[in-house]
Amino acid sequence: MRKKRILIADDHVAIRVGVKYILTNEFPQFEFGEAQSARETIARLSGESWDLVILDINFPDSNGLEVLNRFKDLNIKIPSLIFSIHAEDQMAVRCIRAGAMGYLNKNAGYDDLVQAVNQILKGGKYIPYEIGNLLANELINPYLITHSVLSDREFQVMLHIGAGKSVSEIASEMDLSISTINTYRTRILKKMNLKNNASVINYTIKNGLLEL
């Protein structure tokens, strides 16, 4: 019988080592792999057999939402657990909507990580009480959180702008034209009633949407 295989995708080596240590203690019969960039994550998921990927949101070359969208483009059906520094009220609902099977804050405890992995490997979703409430609130009022009005692509562009990147840099990283990025930028400013890039940067920092 083939061993279960889990890929730990995070650009911080301490996180990868820590997660692997915890899960090896709980699941000594499993095999574990590591990826430190979005590109490496996609390559390993495309070319190898995995049962679960534990995925960070922030990578130097992309972000977790873009990786989730690439899963759809490449027909990768490996379940994902988002493991992020971002608070649940900022990112969890968007990640679940994008196809993640669970969301866990990096401040969560040992038992939470083990429970999340167990639940997803059994074919379920890991949606803690707090995230369930957020999903319910969004159904009642989809514009409760300002940036929830943005599409996934618009949200990704907003994160790049918030990180201080130029339009040309964003276009290159997202493999889109400069005119397309400018169109997204215009939509972001209009939908969120923001004036310029500086106000976008301020918003992302104020709302904890970037790892500083």
C-alpha atoms as a PDB file:
ATOM      1  CA  MET A   1       0.000   0.000   0.000  1.00  0.00           C
ATOM      2  CA  ARG A   2       1.371   3.422  -0.976  1.00  0.00           C
ATOM      3  CA  LYS A   3       2.345   5.721   1.860  1.00  0.00           C
ATOM      4  CA  LYS A   4       0.481   9.001   2.251  1.00  0.00           C
ATOM      5  CA  ARG A   5       2.573  11.914   0.993  1.00  0.00           C
ATOM      6  CA  ILE A   6       2.334  15.528   2.185  1.00  0.00           C
ATOM      7  CA  LEU A   7       4.072  18.494   0.543  1.00  0.00           C
ATOM      8  CA  ILE A   8       4.918  21.409   2.864  1.00  0.00           C
ATOM      9  CA  ALA A   9       5.136  24.588   0.782  1.00  0.00           C
ATOM     10  CA  ASP A  10       6.502  27.630   2.612  1.00  0.00           C
ATOM     11  CA  ASP A  11       9.370  30.025   1.920  1.00  0.00           C
ATOM     12  CA  HIS A  12      10.503  29.961   5.573  1.00  0.00           C
ATOM     13  CA  VAL A  13      12.662  26.963   6.395  1.00  0.00           C
ATOM     14  CA  ALA A  14      11.791  27.144  10.110  1.00  0.00           C
ATOM     15  CA  ILE A  15       8.084  26.726   9.287  1.00  0.00           C
ATOM     16  CA  ARG A  16       8.744  23.789   6.968  1.00  0.00           C
ATOM     17  CA  VAL A  17      10.939  22.053   9.530  1.00  0.00           C
ATOM     18  CA  GLY A  18       8.491  22.730  12.363  1.00  0.00           C
ATOM     19  CA  VAL A  19       5.451  21.439  10.489  1.00  0.00           C
ATOM     20  CA  LYS A  20       7.370  18.379   9.331  1.00  0.00           C
ATOM     21  CA  TYR A  21       8.513  17.662  12.899  1.00  0.00           C
ATOM     22  CA  ILE A  22       4.965  17.845  14.275  1.00  0.00           C
ATOM     23  CA  LEU A  23       3.443  15.714  11.530  1.00  0.00           C
ATOM     24  CA  THR A  24       6.250  13.137  11.553  1.00  0.00           C
ATOM     25  CA  ASN A  25       5.577  12.558  15.251  1.00  0.00           C
ATOM     26  CA  GLU A  26       1.872  12.062  14.597  1.00  0.00           C
ATOM     27  CA  PHE A  27       2.115  10.257  11.262  1.00  0.00           C
ATOM     28  CA  PRO A  28       5.445   8.381  11.243  1.00  0.00           C
ATOM     29  CA  GLN A  29       4.255   6.227   8.338  1.00  0.00           C
ATOM     30  CA  PHE A  30       3.804   9.259   6.033  1.00  0.00           C
ATOM     31  CA  GLU A  31       6.323  10.702   3.588  1.00  0.00           C
ATOM     32  CA  PHE A  32       6.983  14.451   3.498  1.00  0.00           C
ATOM     33  CA  GLY A  33       8.382  16.793   0.900  1.00  0.00           C
ATOM     34  CA  GLU A  34       9.194  20.497   0.866  1.00  0.00           C
ATOM     35  CA  ALA A  35       8.877  23.415  -1.555  1.00  0.00           C
ATOM     36  CA  GLN A  36      10.132  26.950  -0.921  1.00  0.00           C
ATOM     37  CA  SER A  37       8.563  28.890  -3.786  1.00  0.00           C
ATOM     38  CA  ALA A  38       5.315  28.989  -5.743  1.00  0.00           C
ATOM     39  CA  ARG A  39       7.106  27.763  -8.872  1.00  0.00           C
ATOM     40  CA  GLU A  40       8.651  24.800  -7.056  1.00  0.00           C
ATOM     41  CA  THR A  41       5.284  23.997  -5.464  1.00  0.00           C
ATOM     42  CA  ILE A  42       3.521  23.851  -8.833  1.00  0.00           C
ATOM     43  CA  ALA A  43       6.352  21.811 -10.358  1.00  0.00           C
ATOM     44  CA  ARG A  44       6.288  19.223  -7.572  1.00  0.00           C
ATOM     45  CA  LEU A  45       2.501  18.978  -7.536  1.00  0.00           C
ATOM     46  CA  SER A  46       2.403  18.597 -11.324  1.00  0.00           C
ATOM     47  CA  GLY A  47       5.142  15.992 -11.548  1.00  0.00           C
ATOM     48  CA  GLU A  48       4.707  13.892  -8.404  1.00  0.00           C
ATOM     49  CA  SER A  49       1.969  12.094  -6.498  1.00  0.00           C
ATOM     50  CA  TRP A  50       0.759  13.824  -3.298  1.00  0.00           C
ATOM     51  CA  ASP A  51      -2.189  13.429  -0.961  1.00  0.00           C
ATOM     52  CA  LEU A  52      -2.105  16.923   0.560  1.00  0.00           C
ATOM     53  CA  VAL A  53      -0.255  20.206   0.204  1.00  0.00           C
ATOM     54  CA  ILE A  54       0.142  22.507   3.203  1.00  0.00           C
ATOM     55  CA  LEU A  55       0.374  25.866   1.489  1.00  0.00           C
ATOM     56  CA  ASP A  56       1.534  29.281   2.680  1.00  0.00           C
ATOM     57  CA  ILE A  57      -0.115  32.429   1.297  1.00  0.00           C
ATOM     58  CA  ASN A  58       3.023  34.513   0.732  1.00  0.00           C
ATOM     59  CA  PHE A  59       5.909  33.477  -1.528  1.00  0.00           C
ATOM     60  CA  PRO A  60       8.600  35.740  -2.963  1.00  0.00           C
ATOM     61  CA  ASP A  61       7.546  34.800  -6.513  1.00  0.00           C
ATOM     62  CA  SER A  62       3.759  34.665  -6.093  1.00  0.00           C
ATOM     63  CA  ASN A  63       1.032  34.113  -3.513  1.00  0.00           C
ATOM     64  CA  GLY A  64      -1.112  31.228  -2.398  1.00  0.00           C
ATOM     65  CA  LEU A  65      -4.223  32.484  -4.163  1.00  0.00           C
ATOM     66  CA  GLU A  66      -2.397  32.513  -7.482  1.00  0.00           C
ATOM     67  CA  VAL A  67      -1.170  28.984  -6.747  1.00  0.00           C
ATOM     68  CA  LEU A  68      -4.754  27.855  -6.079  1.00  0.00           C
ATOM     69  CA  ASN A  69      -5.823  29.366  -9.394  1.00  0.00           C
ATOM     70  CA  ARG A  70      -2.971  27.544 -11.141  1.00  0.00           C
ATOM     71  CA  PHE A  71      -4.320  24.303  -9.657  1.00  0.00           C
ATOM     72  CA  LYS A  72      -7.506  24.878 -11.649  1.00  0.00           C
ATOM     73  CA  ASP A  73      -5.611  25.808 -14.829  1.00  0.00           C
ATOM     74  CA  LEU A  74      -3.466  22.675 -14.619  1.00  0.00           C
ATOM     75  CA  ASN A  75      -6.258  20.413 -13.336  1.00  0.00           C
ATOM     76  CA  ILE A  76      -4.338  19.654 -10.144  1.00  0.00           C
ATOM     77  CA  LYS A  77      -6.815  18.045  -7.750  1.00  0.00           C
ATOM     78  CA  ILE A  78      -4.570  17.631  -4.724  1.00  0.00           C
ATOM     79  CA  PRO A  79      -6.343  18.970  -1.604  1.00  0.00           C
ATOM     80  CA  SER A  80      -4.758  21.992   0.035  1.00  0.00           C
ATOM     81  CA  LEU A  81      -4.587  23.287   3.594  1.00  0.00           C
ATOM     82  CA  ILE A  82      -3.728  26.982   3.726  1.00  0.00           C
ATOM     83  CA  PHE A  83      -1.307  27.658   6.586  1.00  0.00           C
ATOM     84  CA  SER A  84      -0.937  31.411   6.933  1.00  0.00           C
ATOM     85  CA  ILE A  85       0.142  34.221   9.222  1.00  0.00           C
ATOM     86  CA  HIS A  86      -2.953  36.165   8.156  1.00  0.00           C
ATOM     87  CA  ALA A  87      -5.916  36.246  10.525  1.00  0.00           C
ATOM     88  CA  GLU A  88      -8.963  34.269   9.471  1.00  0.00           C
ATOM     89  CA  ASP A  89     -11.069  37.379   8.914  1.00  0.00           C
ATOM     90  CA  GLN A  90      -8.660  38.643   6.260  1.00  0.00           C
ATOM     91  CA  MET A  91      -7.975  35.652   4.025  1.00  0.00           C
ATOM     92  CA  ALA A  92      -9.821  32.488   5.035  1.00  0.00           C
ATOM     93  CA  VAL A  93     -13.089  32.987   3.161  1.00  0.00           C
ATOM     94  CA  ARG A  94     -11.327  33.962  -0.076  1.00  0.00           C
ATOM     95  CA  CYS A  95      -9.051  30.907   0.139  1.00  0.00           C
ATOM     96  CA  ILE A  96     -11.958  28.543   0.746  1.00  0.00           C
ATOM     97  CA  ARG A  97     -13.830  30.099  -2.174  1.00  0.00           C
ATOM     98  CA  ALA A  98     -10.717  29.613  -4.330  1.00  0.00           C
ATOM     99  CA  GLY A  99     -10.726  25.868  -3.645  1.00  0.00           C
ATOM    100  CA  ALA A 100      -8.718  25.304  -0.459  1.00  0.00           C
ATOM    101  CA  MET A 101      -9.999  22.457   1.714  1.00  0.00           C
ATOM    102  CA  GLY A 102      -9.032  24.208   4.925  1.00  0.00           C
ATOM    103  CA  TYR A 103      -7.449  27.268   6.496  1.00  0.00           C
ATOM    104  CA  LEU A 104      -5.240  27.385   9.574  1.00  0.00           C
ATOM    105  CA  ASN A 105      -3.539  30.356  11.179  1.00  0.00           C
ATOM    106  CA  LYS A 106       0.149  29.849  12.029  1.00  0.00           C
ATOM    107  CA  ASN A 107      -0.648  30.785  15.619  1.00  0.00           C
ATOM    108  CA  ALA A 108      -2.805  27.668  15.910  1.00  0.00           C
ATOM    109  CA  GLY A 109      -1.810  24.884  18.257  1.00  0.00           C
ATOM    110  CA  TYR A 110      -0.207  21.485  17.670  1.00  0.00           C
ATOM    111  CA  ASP A 111      -3.548  19.683  17.931  1.00  0.00           C
ATOM    112  CA  ASP A 112      -5.219  22.034  15.448  1.00  0.00           C
ATOM    113  CA  LEU A 113      -2.659  21.222  12.760  1.00  0.00           C
ATOM    114  CA  VAL A 114      -2.998  17.485  13.340  1.00  0.00           C
ATOM    115  CA  GLN A 115      -6.809  17.715  13.295  1.00  0.00           C
ATOM    116  CA  ALA A 116      -6.793  19.753  10.070  1.00  0.00           C
ATOM    117  CA  VAL A 117      -4.530  17.244   8.296  1.00  0.00           C
ATOM    118  CA  ASN A 118      -6.589  14.293   9.533  1.00  0.00           C
ATOM    119  CA  GLN A 119      -9.869  15.841   8.481  1.00  0.00           C
ATOM    120  CA  ILE A 120      -8.735  16.742   4.971  1.00  0.00           C
ATOM    121  CA  LEU A 121      -7.036  13.393   4.344  1.00  0.00           C
ATOM    122  CA  LYS A 122     -10.331  11.714   5.244  1.00  0.00           C
ATOM    123  CA  GLY A 123     -12.024  13.667   2.454  1.00  0.00           C
ATOM    124  CA  GLY A 124     -13.511  16.484   4.507  1.00  0.00           C
ATOM    125  CA  LYS A 125     -12.910  20.193   4.892  1.00  0.00           C
ATOM    126  CA  TYR A 126     -11.303  21.883   7.865  1.00  0.00           C
ATOM    127  CA  ILE A 127     -13.472  24.893   8.651  1.00  0.00           C
ATOM    128  CA  PRO A 128     -13.147  26.014  12.287  1.00  0.00           C
ATOM    129  CA  TYR A 129     -16.016  27.777  14.013  1.00  0.00           C
ATOM    130  CA  GLU A 130     -14.594  31.248  13.303  1.00  0.00           C
ATOM    131  CA  ILE A 131     -14.352  30.600   9.567  1.00  0.00           C
ATOM    132  CA  GLY A 132     -17.839  29.110   9.509  1.00  0.00           C
ATOM    133  CA  ASN A 133     -19.145  32.343  10.987  1.00  0.00           C
ATOM    134  CA  LEU A 134     -17.258  34.391   8.392  1.00  0.00           C
ATOM    135  CA  LEU A 135     -18.718  32.312   5.551  1.00  0.00           C
ATOM    136  CA  ALA A 136     -22.203  32.757   6.992  1.00  0.00           C
ATOM    137  CA  ASN A 137     -21.704  36.505   7.428  1.00  0.00           C
ATOM    138  CA  GLU A 138     -20.490  36.843   3.849  1.00  0.00           C
ATOM    139  CA  LEU A 139     -23.624  35.128   2.564  1.00  0.00           C
ATOM    140  CA  ILE A 140     -25.712  37.617   4.535  1.00  0.00           C
ATOM    141  CA  ASN A 141     -23.572  40.639   3.651  1.00  0.00           C
ATOM    142  CA  PRO A 142     -20.981  39.952   0.920  1.00  0.00           C
ATOM    143  CA  TYR A 143     -19.490  43.454   1.265  1.00  0.00           C
ATOM    144  CA  LEU A 144     -18.879  43.303   5.013  1.00  0.00           C
ATOM    145  CA  ILE A 145     -15.111  43.340   4.413  1.00  0.00           C
ATOM    146  CA  THR A 146     -14.191  46.023   1.869  1.00  0.00           C
ATOM    147  CA  HIS A 147     -11.732  43.965  -0.178  1.00  0.00           C
ATOM    148  CA  SER A 148     -14.268  41.144  -0.527  1.00  0.00           C
ATOM    149  CA  VAL A 149     -15.809  43.147  -3.392  1.00  0.00           C
ATOM    150  CA  LEU A 150     -12.707  42.381  -5.487  1.00  0.00           C
ATOM    151  CA  SER A 151     -12.381  39.412  -7.801  1.00  0.00           C
ATOM    152  CA  ASP A 152      -9.482  37.030  -7.104  1.00  0.00           C
ATOM    153  CA  ARG A 153      -7.397  38.630  -9.878  1.00  0.00           C
ATOM    154  CA  GLU A 154      -8.127  42.126  -8.571  1.00  0.00           C
ATOM    155  CA  PHE A 155      -7.269  41.013  -5.055  1.00  0.00           C
ATOM    156  CA  GLN A 156      -3.954  39.569  -6.244  1.00  0.00           C
ATOM    157  CA  VAL A 157      -3.099  42.814  -8.033  1.00  0.00           C
ATOM    158  CA  MET A 158      -4.011  44.749  -4.887  1.00  0.00           C
ATOM    159  CA  LEU A 159      -1.579  42.658  -2.848  1.00  0.00           C
ATOM    160  CA  HIS A 160       1.191  43.333  -5.367  1.00  0.00           C
ATOM    161  CA  ILE A 161       0.459  47.081  -5.314  1.00  0.00           C
ATOM    162  CA  GLY A 162       0.383  46.924  -1.526  1.00  0.00           C
ATOM    163  CA  ALA A 163       3.864  45.412  -1.590  1.00  0.00           C
ATOM    164  CA  GLY A 164       5.090  48.508  -3.477  1.00  0.00           C
ATOM    165  CA  LYS A 165       5.577  46.841  -6.868  1.00  0.00           C
ATOM    166  CA  SER A 166       5.338  48.771 -10.117  1.00  0.00           C
ATOM    167  CA  VAL A 167       2.788  47.990 -12.819  1.00  0.00           C
ATOM    168  CA  SER A 168       5.493  46.467 -15.027  1.00  0.00           C
ATOM    169  CA  GLU A 169       6.747  44.268 -12.190  1.00  0.00           C
ATOM    170  CA  ILE A 170       3.224  43.047 -11.459  1.00  0.00           C
ATOM    171  CA  ALA A 171       2.579  42.369 -15.152  1.00  0.00           C
ATOM    172  CA  SER A 172       5.760  40.302 -15.378  1.00  0.00           C
ATOM    173  CA  GLU A 173       5.036  38.288 -12.219  1.00  0.00           C
ATOM    174  CA  MET A 174       1.415  37.585 -13.154  1.00  0.00           C
ATOM    175  CA  ASP A 175       2.242  36.993 -16.837  1.00  0.00           C
ATOM    176  CA  LEU A 176      -0.262  39.631 -17.933  1.00  0.00           C
ATOM    177  CA  SER A 177       0.032  42.769 -20.049  1.00  0.00           C
ATOM    178  CA  ILE A 178       0.700  46.169 -18.509  1.00  0.00           C
ATOM    179  CA  SER A 179      -2.634  47.440 -19.885  1.00  0.00           C
ATOM    180  CA  THR A 180      -4.455  44.574 -18.163  1.00  0.00           C
ATOM    181  CA  ILE A 181      -2.797  45.387 -14.841  1.00  0.00           C
ATOM    182  CA  ASN A 182      -3.717  49.055 -15.271  1.00  0.00           C
ATOM    183  CA  THR A 183      -7.320  47.995 -15.887  1.00  0.00           C
ATOM    184  CA  TYR A 184      -7.314  45.929 -12.694  1.00  0.00           C
ATOM    185  CA  ARG A 185      -5.754  48.834 -10.799  1.00  0.00           C
ATOM    186  CA  THR A 186      -8.494  51.185 -11.997  1.00  0.00           C
ATOM    187  CA  ARG A 187     -11.177  48.731 -10.909  1.00  0.00           C
ATOM    188  CA  ILE A 188      -9.548  48.298  -7.487  1.00  0.00           C
ATOM    189  CA  LEU A 189      -9.430  52.038  -6.833  1.00  0.00           C
ATOM    190  CA  LYS A 190     -13.035  52.473  -7.952  1.00  0.00           C
ATOM    191  CA  LYS A 191     -14.501  49.497  -6.073  1.00  0.00           C
ATOM    192  CA  MET A 192     -12.686  50.321  -2.839  1.00  0.00           C
ATOM    193  CA  ASN A 193     -13.019  54.094  -3.114  1.00  0.00           C
ATOM    194  CA  LEU A 194      -9.261  54.581  -2.903  1.00  0.00           C
ATOM    195  CA  LYS A 195      -7.348  57.415  -4.564  1.00  0.00           C
ATOM    196  CA  ASN A 196      -3.925  56.060  -5.513  1.00  0.00           C
ATOM    197  CA  ASN A 197      -1.273  53.403  -4.924  1.00  0.00           C
ATOM    198  CA  ALA A 198      -0.298  54.967  -1.603  1.00  0.00           C
ATOM    199  CA  SER A 199      -3.825  54.488  -0.297  1.00  0.00           C
ATOM    200  CA  VAL A 200      -3.762  50.859  -1.470  1.00  0.00           C
ATOM    201  CA  ILE A 201      -0.475  50.299   0.367  1.00  0.00           C
ATOM    202  CA  ASN A 202      -1.912  51.888   3.492  1.00  0.00           C
ATOM    203  CA  TYR A 203      -5.020  49.692   3.271  1.00  0.00           C
ATOM    204  CA  THR A 204      -3.085  46.446   2.917  1.00  0.00           C
ATOM    205  CA  ILE A 205      -0.825  47.308   5.849  1.00  0.00           C
ATOM    206  CA  LYS A 206      -3.672  48.510   8.062  1.00  0.00           C
ATOM    207  CA  ASN A 207      -5.642  45.341   7.413  1.00  0.00           C
ATOM    208  CA  GLY A 208      -2.723  42.954   7.839  1.00  0.00           C
ATOM    209  CA  LEU A 209      -2.885  41.609   4.302  1.00  0.00           C
ATOM    210  CA  LEU A 210       0.884  41.452   3.846  1.00  0.00           C
ATOM    211  CA  GLU A 211       3.618  39.743   5.821  1.00  0.00           C
ATOM    212  CA  LEU A 212       5.726  42.716   6.964  1.00  0.00           C
END
